[in-house]
């Protein structure tokens, strides 16, 4: 997998998580623990994307 393909994959997963978080937030009986876990995963992906962008730049 090339660096750009890896970054694109991370971005797609990040967007999917954002969509899942938004969907869960709309539910009246939303699961706060699930939302927190999704947000943590989203932040992890953002960190991975930042590192990957840095590696591509070098």
Protein backbone atom coordinates (compact mmCIF):
# COMPACT_ATOMS: atom_id res chain seq x y z
CA UNK A 1 0.00 0.00 0.00
CA UNK A 2 1.38 3.39 -0.93
CA UNK A 3 1.49 6.25 1.52
CA UNK A 4 -1.26 8.12 -0.32
CA UNK A 5 -3.47 5.02 -0.39
CA UNK A 6 -2.90 4.57 3.34
CA UNK A 7 -3.81 8.21 4.01
CA UNK A 8 -6.93 7.93 1.86
CA UNK A 9 -7.94 4.80 3.76
CA UNK A 10 -7.48 6.60 7.09
CA UNK A 11 -9.50 9.58 5.85
CA UNK A 12 -12.33 7.30 4.72
CA UNK A 13 -12.41 5.53 8.10
CA UNK A 14 -12.35 8.94 9.84
CA UNK A 15 -15.35 10.09 7.79
CA UNK A 16 -17.20 6.83 8.52
CA UNK A 17 -16.68 7.36 12.24
CA UNK A 18 -17.91 10.95 11.97
CA UNK A 19 -21.05 9.68 10.26
CA UNK A 20 -21.59 7.00 12.95
CA UNK A 21 -21.14 9.58 15.71
CA UNK A 22 -23.65 11.92 14.07
CA UNK A 23 -26.16 9.10 13.65
CA UNK A 24 -25.79 8.03 17.26
CA UNK A 25 -26.14 11.62 18.51
CA UNK A 26 -29.52 11.91 16.75
CA UNK A 27 -31.00 8.99 18.71
CA UNK A 28 -33.05 10.03 21.72
CA UNK A 29 -31.65 7.08 23.70
CA UNK A 30 -28.08 7.56 22.58
CA UNK A 31 -25.31 5.44 24.02
CA UNK A 32 -22.82 7.80 25.66
CA UNK A 33 -20.18 5.07 26.05
CA UNK A 34 -20.42 4.14 22.38
CA UNK A 35 -20.13 7.79 21.36
CA UNK A 36 -17.07 8.23 23.57
CA UNK A 37 -15.44 5.13 22.09
CA UNK A 38 -16.15 6.31 18.54
CA UNK A 39 -14.70 9.74 19.33
CA UNK A 40 -11.54 8.16 20.78
CA UNK A 41 -11.11 6.04 17.66
CA UNK A 42 -11.68 9.11 15.49
CA UNK A 43 -8.93 10.98 17.37
CA UNK A 44 -6.58 8.02 16.98
CA UNK A 45 -7.20 8.04 13.24
CA UNK A 46 -6.59 11.79 13.12
CA UNK A 47 -3.24 11.27 14.86
CA UNK A 48 -2.36 8.51 12.39
CA UNK A 49 -3.27 10.79 9.47
CA UNK A 50 -1.11 13.59 10.89
CA UNK A 51 1.86 11.22 11.22
CA UNK A 52 1.29 9.80 7.75
CA UNK A 53 1.09 13.29 6.21
CA UNK A 54 4.36 14.14 7.96
CA UNK A 55 6.05 11.04 6.58
CA UNK A 56 4.90 11.85 3.04
CA UNK A 57 6.28 15.38 3.34
CA UNK A 58 9.76 14.10 4.21
